[in-house]
Amino acid sequence: MESVIPDFAGKIIESARIDFGLHLRTEDGWMIVIEAPVVVSGPGIAPTRVDPAVAESPLPDALEGVAGQAITQLLVAREGHLGVQLADRQISVRADENYEAWHVTGPDGELLICRPGGELTHFSPARRDPHVAPESGPAGGSPARP
């Protein structure tokens, strides 16, 4: 199965916040939003369950220090499970039977959604034809024609 999103290895998490979901934003504009409960685990971190729908800011201890770290791998399973691997921990979320568990949005409009039951839906990035001029013209009318 061909990957529909780019390789996330090396992307730096610019910000991490809880706001009815866990929001991870990379320096290059990708957004990973997780709305289902996550398990945070890693060396020296006992597996910790965090439900971002009810957790409050600031970030729970298991997620402290995520901002500024590089993602080493973003894993998406056919069943809709998501894993965000960092150097010192992994953030894992399973698909939810009744709700969208997570989505990943690109700066160009690309979108991957884990729908209820784990079904993955992908929307391609917005494509712009460099040979087509933006629509503008006199008095807001149609573009001038040569």
N, C-alpha and C. Protein backbone atom coordinates (compact mmCIF):
# COMPACT_ATOMS: atom_id res chain seq x y z
N MET A 1 0.85 -1.18 0.00
CA MET A 1 0.00 0.00 0.00
C MET A 1 0.89 1.24 0.00
N GLU A 2 0.68 2.12 -0.95
CA GLU A 2 1.48 3.33 -1.05
C GLU A 2 1.07 4.33 0.03
N SER A 3 2.06 4.95 0.63
CA SER A 3 1.80 5.96 1.65
C SER A 3 1.13 7.17 1.02
N VAL A 4 0.15 7.72 1.70
CA VAL A 4 -0.55 8.89 1.17
C VAL A 4 -0.06 10.17 1.82
N ILE A 5 0.73 10.08 2.87
CA ILE A 5 1.30 11.26 3.49
C ILE A 5 2.81 11.14 3.45
N PRO A 6 3.51 12.26 3.54
CA PRO A 6 4.96 12.19 3.41
C PRO A 6 5.62 11.54 4.62
N ASP A 7 6.88 11.25 4.47
CA ASP A 7 7.69 10.73 5.56
C ASP A 7 7.83 11.84 6.61
N PHE A 8 7.47 11.56 7.83
CA PHE A 8 7.54 12.56 8.89
C PHE A 8 8.87 12.54 9.63
N ALA A 9 9.77 11.63 9.29
CA ALA A 9 11.05 11.53 9.98
C ALA A 9 11.79 12.87 9.90
N GLY A 10 12.16 13.39 11.06
CA GLY A 10 12.89 14.64 11.13
C GLY A 10 12.04 15.88 11.26
N LYS A 11 10.71 15.75 11.08
CA LYS A 11 9.85 16.93 11.26
C LYS A 11 9.84 17.28 12.75
N ILE A 12 10.03 18.56 13.05
CA ILE A 12 10.09 19.03 14.42
C ILE A 12 8.71 19.47 14.89
N ILE A 13 8.31 19.01 16.06
CA ILE A 13 7.04 19.45 16.65
C ILE A 13 7.25 20.85 17.21
N GLU A 14 6.59 21.79 16.61
CA GLU A 14 6.71 23.19 17.02
C GLU A 14 5.89 23.48 18.27
N SER A 15 4.68 22.89 18.34
CA SER A 15 3.82 23.12 19.49
C SER A 15 2.98 21.89 19.77
N ALA A 16 2.65 21.73 21.04
CA ALA A 16 1.78 20.64 21.48
C ALA A 16 0.82 21.24 22.51
N ARG A 17 -0.47 20.99 22.30
CA ARG A 17 -1.46 21.52 23.24
C ARG A 17 -2.66 20.59 23.33
N ILE A 18 -3.37 20.72 24.41
CA ILE A 18 -4.62 19.98 24.61
C ILE A 18 -5.76 21.00 24.48
N ASP A 19 -6.71 20.72 23.60
CA ASP A 19 -7.88 21.57 23.41
C ASP A 19 -8.96 20.70 22.77
N PHE A 20 -9.65 19.89 23.59
CA PHE A 20 -10.61 18.90 23.11
C PHE A 20 -9.95 17.95 22.12
N GLY A 21 -8.69 17.76 22.26
CA GLY A 21 -7.88 16.89 21.43
C GLY A 21 -6.42 17.23 21.67
N LEU A 22 -5.54 16.33 21.27
CA LEU A 22 -4.11 16.60 21.34
C LEU A 22 -3.71 17.15 19.98
N HIS A 23 -3.19 18.37 19.97
CA HIS A 23 -2.82 19.06 18.74
C HIS A 23 -1.30 19.15 18.68
N LEU A 24 -0.70 18.51 17.68
CA LEU A 24 0.74 18.56 17.47
C LEU A 24 0.97 19.27 16.14
N ARG A 25 1.66 20.39 16.17
CA ARG A 25 1.94 21.15 14.94
C ARG A 25 3.43 21.10 14.66
N THR A 26 3.78 20.78 13.40
CA THR A 26 5.19 20.73 13.03
C THR A 26 5.64 22.10 12.53
N GLU A 27 6.95 22.31 12.53
CA GLU A 27 7.50 23.59 12.07
C GLU A 27 7.17 23.90 10.62
N ASP A 28 6.93 22.86 9.82
CA ASP A 28 6.61 23.09 8.41
C ASP A 28 5.11 23.08 8.12
N GLY A 29 4.29 23.20 9.19
CA GLY A 29 2.86 23.43 8.99
C GLY A 29 1.94 22.23 9.00
N TRP A 30 2.45 21.03 9.27
CA TRP A 30 1.57 19.86 9.39
C TRP A 30 0.91 19.88 10.76
N MET A 31 -0.32 19.40 10.83
CA MET A 31 -1.04 19.33 12.09
C MET A 31 -1.54 17.90 12.28
N ILE A 32 -1.21 17.34 13.44
CA ILE A 32 -1.70 16.02 13.84
C ILE A 32 -2.66 16.28 14.98
N VAL A 33 -3.93 15.93 14.79
CA VAL A 33 -4.94 16.16 15.82
C VAL A 33 -5.51 14.81 16.22
N ILE A 34 -5.38 14.50 17.51
CA ILE A 34 -5.85 13.22 18.05
C ILE A 34 -6.97 13.51 19.04
N GLU A 35 -8.14 12.94 18.77
CA GLU A 35 -9.30 13.20 19.62
C GLU A 35 -9.70 12.00 20.47
N ALA A 36 -9.11 10.85 20.20
CA ALA A 36 -9.39 9.64 20.97
C ALA A 36 -8.30 9.48 22.04
N PRO A 37 -8.54 8.65 23.04
CA PRO A 37 -7.51 8.42 24.06
C PRO A 37 -6.22 7.89 23.45
N VAL A 38 -5.09 8.38 23.99
CA VAL A 38 -3.77 7.96 23.54
C VAL A 38 -3.06 7.22 24.66
N VAL A 39 -2.10 6.41 24.28
CA VAL A 39 -1.19 5.79 25.23
C VAL A 39 0.19 6.33 24.93
N VAL A 40 0.83 6.90 25.94
CA VAL A 40 2.18 7.42 25.82
C VAL A 40 3.08 6.45 26.54
N SER A 41 4.12 5.98 25.84
CA SER A 41 5.03 5.00 26.44
C SER A 41 6.44 5.24 25.91
N GLY A 42 7.41 4.66 26.59
CA GLY A 42 8.79 4.76 26.15
C GLY A 42 9.73 4.37 27.27
N PRO A 43 11.01 4.36 26.99
CA PRO A 43 11.99 4.03 28.02
C PRO A 43 11.86 5.02 29.19
N GLY A 44 11.65 4.48 30.36
CA GLY A 44 11.53 5.32 31.54
C GLY A 44 10.16 5.97 31.71
N ILE A 45 9.23 5.67 30.79
CA ILE A 45 7.87 6.22 30.89
C ILE A 45 6.91 5.04 30.97
N ALA A 46 6.29 4.90 32.12
CA ALA A 46 5.29 3.84 32.26
C ALA A 46 4.14 4.15 31.29
N PRO A 47 3.61 3.15 30.59
CA PRO A 47 2.49 3.43 29.68
C PRO A 47 1.40 4.23 30.40
N THR A 48 1.09 5.38 29.84
CA THR A 48 0.14 6.30 30.45
C THR A 48 -0.97 6.60 29.46
N ARG A 49 -2.20 6.41 29.90
CA ARG A 49 -3.37 6.70 29.06
C ARG A 49 -3.78 8.15 29.30
N VAL A 50 -3.95 8.88 28.20
CA VAL A 50 -4.40 10.27 28.27
C VAL A 50 -5.60 10.41 27.35
N ASP A 51 -6.71 10.90 27.89
CA ASP A 51 -7.87 11.16 27.05
C ASP A 51 -7.91 12.65 26.75
N PRO A 52 -7.49 13.06 25.54
CA PRO A 52 -7.40 14.49 25.25
C PRO A 52 -8.75 15.20 25.20
N ALA A 53 -9.84 14.44 25.13
CA ALA A 53 -11.16 15.06 25.11
C ALA A 53 -11.52 15.61 26.49
N VAL A 54 -10.92 15.07 27.54
CA VAL A 54 -11.24 15.54 28.89
C VAL A 54 -10.02 16.08 29.63
N ALA A 55 -8.83 15.86 29.11
CA ALA A 55 -7.63 16.38 29.77
C ALA A 55 -7.63 17.90 29.67
N GLU A 56 -7.01 18.52 30.63
CA GLU A 56 -6.94 19.98 30.64
C GLU A 56 -5.52 20.43 30.46
N SER A 57 -5.37 21.65 29.99
CA SER A 57 -4.03 22.24 29.89
C SER A 57 -3.57 22.57 31.29
N PRO A 58 -2.31 22.57 31.58
CA PRO A 58 -1.21 22.28 30.69
C PRO A 58 -1.17 20.80 30.32
N LEU A 59 -0.23 20.45 29.48
CA LEU A 59 -0.11 19.06 29.04
C LEU A 59 0.10 18.13 30.23
N PRO A 60 -0.48 16.93 30.18
CA PRO A 60 -0.19 15.93 31.21
C PRO A 60 1.31 15.61 31.22
N ASP A 61 1.82 15.18 32.36
CA ASP A 61 3.25 14.90 32.52
C ASP A 61 3.82 14.02 31.40
N ALA A 62 3.07 13.00 30.96
CA ALA A 62 3.57 12.08 29.94
C ALA A 62 3.82 12.77 28.60
N LEU A 63 3.20 13.93 28.40
CA LEU A 63 3.35 14.66 27.13
C LEU A 63 4.23 15.90 27.26
N GLU A 64 4.67 16.20 28.49
CA GLU A 64 5.56 17.35 28.68
C GLU A 64 6.85 17.16 27.88
N GLY A 65 7.33 18.20 27.27
CA GLY A 65 8.58 18.14 26.53
C GLY A 65 8.46 17.64 25.11
N VAL A 66 7.25 17.40 24.63
CA VAL A 66 7.06 16.93 23.25
C VAL A 66 7.42 18.03 22.26
N ALA A 67 7.01 19.28 22.57
CA ALA A 67 7.35 20.40 21.68
C ALA A 67 8.86 20.54 21.62
N GLY A 68 9.36 20.70 20.42
CA GLY A 68 10.80 20.83 20.19
C GLY A 68 11.45 19.52 19.78
N GLN A 69 10.75 18.40 19.93
CA GLN A 69 11.31 17.11 19.55
C GLN A 69 11.06 16.82 18.06
N ALA A 70 11.93 15.99 17.52
CA ALA A 70 11.77 15.53 16.14
C ALA A 70 10.96 14.24 16.13
N ILE A 71 10.09 14.13 15.16
CA ILE A 71 9.36 12.89 14.93
C ILE A 71 10.34 11.96 14.22
N THR A 72 10.49 10.74 14.73
CA THR A 72 11.36 9.79 14.05
C THR A 72 10.57 8.96 13.06
N GLN A 73 9.26 8.78 13.33
CA GLN A 73 8.42 8.00 12.41
C GLN A 73 6.96 8.26 12.74
N LEU A 74 6.15 8.34 11.69
CA LEU A 74 4.70 8.42 11.83
C LEU A 74 4.16 7.15 11.19
N LEU A 75 3.48 6.33 11.97
CA LEU A 75 2.98 5.05 11.49
C LEU A 75 1.46 5.08 11.41
N VAL A 76 0.93 4.62 10.30
CA VAL A 76 -0.52 4.51 10.12
C VAL A 76 -0.81 3.09 9.70
N ALA A 77 -1.58 2.37 10.52
CA ALA A 77 -1.95 0.99 10.20
C ALA A 77 -3.24 0.97 9.39
N ARG A 78 -3.41 -0.08 8.61
CA ARG A 78 -4.64 -0.23 7.81
C ARG A 78 -5.89 -0.19 8.68
N GLU A 79 -5.78 -0.63 9.92
CA GLU A 79 -6.93 -0.65 10.83
C GLU A 79 -7.24 0.73 11.38
N GLY A 80 -6.43 1.73 11.02
CA GLY A 80 -6.68 3.09 11.48
C GLY A 80 -5.90 3.49 12.71
N HIS A 81 -5.03 2.61 13.20
CA HIS A 81 -4.22 2.97 14.37
C HIS A 81 -3.12 3.92 13.94
N LEU A 82 -2.75 4.85 14.82
CA LEU A 82 -1.72 5.85 14.53
C LEU A 82 -0.65 5.79 15.61
N GLY A 83 0.60 5.86 15.20
CA GLY A 83 1.72 5.94 16.14
C GLY A 83 2.62 7.09 15.75
N VAL A 84 2.91 7.95 16.72
CA VAL A 84 3.85 9.05 16.52
C VAL A 84 5.07 8.71 17.36
N GLN A 85 6.16 8.35 16.68
CA GLN A 85 7.38 7.93 17.37
C GLN A 85 8.32 9.11 17.50
N LEU A 86 8.75 9.37 18.74
CA LEU A 86 9.74 10.40 19.03
C LEU A 86 10.97 9.70 19.59
N ALA A 87 12.04 10.42 19.82
CA ALA A 87 13.26 9.81 20.32
C ALA A 87 13.06 9.14 21.68
N ASP A 88 12.23 9.75 22.54
CA ASP A 88 12.11 9.24 23.91
C ASP A 88 10.75 8.65 24.27
N ARG A 89 9.82 8.63 23.33
CA ARG A 89 8.49 8.09 23.62
C ARG A 89 7.69 7.87 22.35
N GLN A 90 6.63 7.11 22.49
CA GLN A 90 5.69 6.90 21.39
C GLN A 90 4.30 7.29 21.87
N ILE A 91 3.58 7.96 20.99
CA ILE A 91 2.19 8.32 21.24
C ILE A 91 1.35 7.46 20.31
N SER A 92 0.49 6.63 20.89
CA SER A 92 -0.29 5.67 20.10
C SER A 92 -1.77 5.90 20.31
N VAL A 93 -2.53 5.76 19.25
CA VAL A 93 -3.98 5.88 19.34
C VAL A 93 -4.61 4.81 18.45
N ARG A 94 -5.65 4.20 18.95
CA ARG A 94 -6.39 3.21 18.18
C ARG A 94 -7.60 3.87 17.54
N ALA A 95 -8.04 3.29 16.45
CA ALA A 95 -9.27 3.77 15.82
C ALA A 95 -10.42 3.59 16.80
N ASP A 96 -11.42 4.43 16.67
CA ASP A 96 -12.61 4.35 17.52
C ASP A 96 -13.76 3.83 16.68
N GLU A 97 -14.58 3.02 17.26
CA GLU A 97 -15.72 2.45 16.51
C GLU A 97 -16.78 3.48 16.16
N ASN A 98 -16.89 4.54 16.97
CA ASN A 98 -18.00 5.48 16.80
C ASN A 98 -17.61 6.89 16.38
N TYR A 99 -16.34 7.23 16.48
CA TYR A 99 -15.92 8.61 16.23
C TYR A 99 -14.65 8.65 15.40
N GLU A 100 -14.39 9.83 14.82
CA GLU A 100 -13.10 10.05 14.14
C GLU A 100 -12.04 10.14 15.23
N ALA A 101 -11.07 9.26 15.19
CA ALA A 101 -10.05 9.20 16.25
C ALA A 101 -8.97 10.25 16.07
N TRP A 102 -8.60 10.54 14.82
CA TRP A 102 -7.50 11.46 14.55
C TRP A 102 -7.54 11.91 13.10
N HIS A 103 -6.81 12.99 12.82
CA HIS A 103 -6.59 13.41 11.43
C HIS A 103 -5.25 14.13 11.33
N VAL A 104 -4.69 14.07 10.13
CA VAL A 104 -3.42 14.72 9.83
C VAL A 104 -3.68 15.66 8.65
N THR A 105 -3.33 16.94 8.84
CA THR A 105 -3.58 17.95 7.81
C THR A 105 -2.27 18.59 7.39
N GLY A 106 -2.07 18.73 6.08
CA GLY A 106 -0.86 19.34 5.55
C GLY A 106 -1.04 20.82 5.29
N PRO A 107 0.04 21.54 5.16
CA PRO A 107 -0.04 22.98 4.89
C PRO A 107 -0.64 23.29 3.52
N ASP A 108 -0.68 22.30 2.65
CA ASP A 108 -1.23 22.49 1.31
C ASP A 108 -2.66 21.95 1.18
N GLY A 109 -3.28 21.61 2.32
CA GLY A 109 -4.65 21.13 2.30
C GLY A 109 -4.80 19.62 2.26
N GLU A 110 -3.69 18.89 2.18
CA GLU A 110 -3.79 17.43 2.21
C GLU A 110 -4.38 17.01 3.54
N LEU A 111 -5.21 15.97 3.53
CA LEU A 111 -5.91 15.55 4.74
C LEU A 111 -6.06 14.04 4.76
N LEU A 112 -5.70 13.44 5.88
CA LEU A 112 -5.92 12.01 6.12
C LEU A 112 -6.72 11.90 7.40
N ILE A 113 -7.88 11.25 7.32
CA ILE A 113 -8.80 11.14 8.45
C ILE A 113 -8.99 9.67 8.81
N CYS A 114 -8.96 9.37 10.11
CA CYS A 114 -9.34 8.05 10.59
C CYS A 114 -10.81 8.14 11.00
N ARG A 115 -11.68 7.62 10.15
CA ARG A 115 -13.12 7.69 10.38
C ARG A 115 -13.56 6.61 11.35
N PRO A 116 -14.80 6.68 11.81
CA PRO A 116 -15.30 5.66 12.73
C PRO A 116 -15.06 4.25 12.17
N GLY A 117 -14.62 3.37 13.05
CA GLY A 117 -14.34 2.00 12.66
C GLY A 117 -12.96 1.81 12.05
N GLY A 118 -12.19 2.90 11.92
CA GLY A 118 -10.83 2.78 11.40
C GLY A 118 -10.69 3.00 9.91
N GLU A 119 -11.77 3.31 9.21
CA GLU A 119 -11.68 3.57 7.78
C GLU A 119 -10.86 4.84 7.56
N LEU A 120 -9.89 4.77 6.66
CA LEU A 120 -9.04 5.92 6.36
C LEU A 120 -9.55 6.61 5.10
N THR A 121 -9.66 7.92 5.17
CA THR A 121 -10.07 8.73 4.02
C THR A 121 -8.98 9.74 3.75
N HIS A 122 -8.57 9.83 2.49
CA HIS A 122 -7.49 10.74 2.09
C HIS A 122 -8.00 11.75 1.09
N PHE A 123 -7.69 13.01 1.33
CA PHE A 123 -7.97 14.08 0.39
C PHE A 123 -6.62 14.62 -0.07
N SER A 124 -6.40 14.62 -1.37
CA SER A 124 -5.13 15.07 -1.94
C SER A 124 -4.89 16.54 -1.66
N PRO A 125 -3.63 16.95 -1.74
CA PRO A 125 -3.34 18.38 -1.54
C PRO A 125 -3.94 19.21 -2.66
N ALA A 126 -4.17 20.48 -2.36
CA ALA A 126 -4.68 21.40 -3.37
C ALA A 126 -3.63 21.56 -4.45
N ARG A 127 -4.01 21.38 -5.66
CA ARG A 127 -3.08 21.53 -6.78
C ARG A 127 -3.42 22.82 -7.51
N ARG A 128 -2.41 23.58 -7.79
CA ARG A 128 -2.61 24.82 -8.53
C ARG A 128 -1.80 24.74 -9.81
N ASP A 129 -2.46 25.00 -10.93
CA ASP A 129 -1.78 25.00 -12.22
C ASP A 129 -1.01 26.31 -12.34
N PRO A 130 0.32 26.25 -12.42
CA PRO A 130 1.10 27.49 -12.48
C PRO A 130 0.87 28.29 -13.75
N HIS A 131 0.19 27.70 -14.73
CA HIS A 131 -0.05 28.40 -15.99
C HIS A 131 -1.38 29.15 -15.99
N VAL A 132 -2.18 29.00 -14.92
CA VAL A 132 -3.46 29.67 -14.86
C VAL A 132 -3.32 30.87 -13.92
N ALA A 133 -3.62 32.05 -14.43
CA ALA A 133 -3.53 33.27 -13.62
C ALA A 133 -4.69 33.32 -12.64
N PRO A 134 -4.47 33.92 -11.47
CA PRO A 134 -5.58 34.06 -10.53
C PRO A 134 -6.70 34.88 -11.16
N GLU A 135 -7.92 34.61 -10.71
CA GLU A 135 -9.06 35.33 -11.27
C GLU A 135 -9.10 36.73 -10.70
N SER A 136 -8.88 37.69 -11.56
CA SER A 136 -8.98 39.10 -11.20
C SER A 136 -9.11 39.87 -12.50
N GLY A 137 -9.55 41.01 -12.39
CA GLY A 137 -9.70 41.83 -13.58
C GLY A 137 -10.32 43.15 -13.24
N PRO A 138 -10.68 43.93 -14.25
CA PRO A 138 -11.24 45.25 -14.01
C PRO A 138 -12.57 45.15 -13.25
N ALA A 139 -12.72 45.95 -12.22
CA ALA A 139 -13.95 46.04 -11.43
C ALA A 139 -14.43 44.70 -10.94
N GLY A 140 -13.51 43.81 -10.62
CA GLY A 140 -13.89 42.52 -10.08
C GLY A 140 -14.52 41.59 -11.09
N GLY A 141 -14.46 41.94 -12.35
CA GLY A 141 -15.05 41.09 -13.38
C GLY A 141 -14.15 39.95 -13.75
N SER A 142 -14.37 39.38 -14.89
CA SER A 142 -13.57 38.26 -15.37
C SER A 142 -12.16 38.74 -15.68
N PRO A 143 -11.20 37.83 -15.64
CA PRO A 143 -9.84 38.21 -15.98
C PRO A 143 -9.75 38.73 -17.41
N ALA A 144 -8.86 39.68 -17.59
CA ALA A 144 -8.66 40.23 -18.94
C ALA A 144 -8.09 39.14 -19.82
N ARG A 145 -8.50 39.07 -21.06
CA ARG A 145 -8.00 38.08 -22.01
C ARG A 145 -7.03 38.75 -22.96
N PRO A 146 -5.95 38.05 -23.27
CA PRO A 146 -4.97 38.62 -24.21
C PRO A 146 -5.53 38.72 -25.61
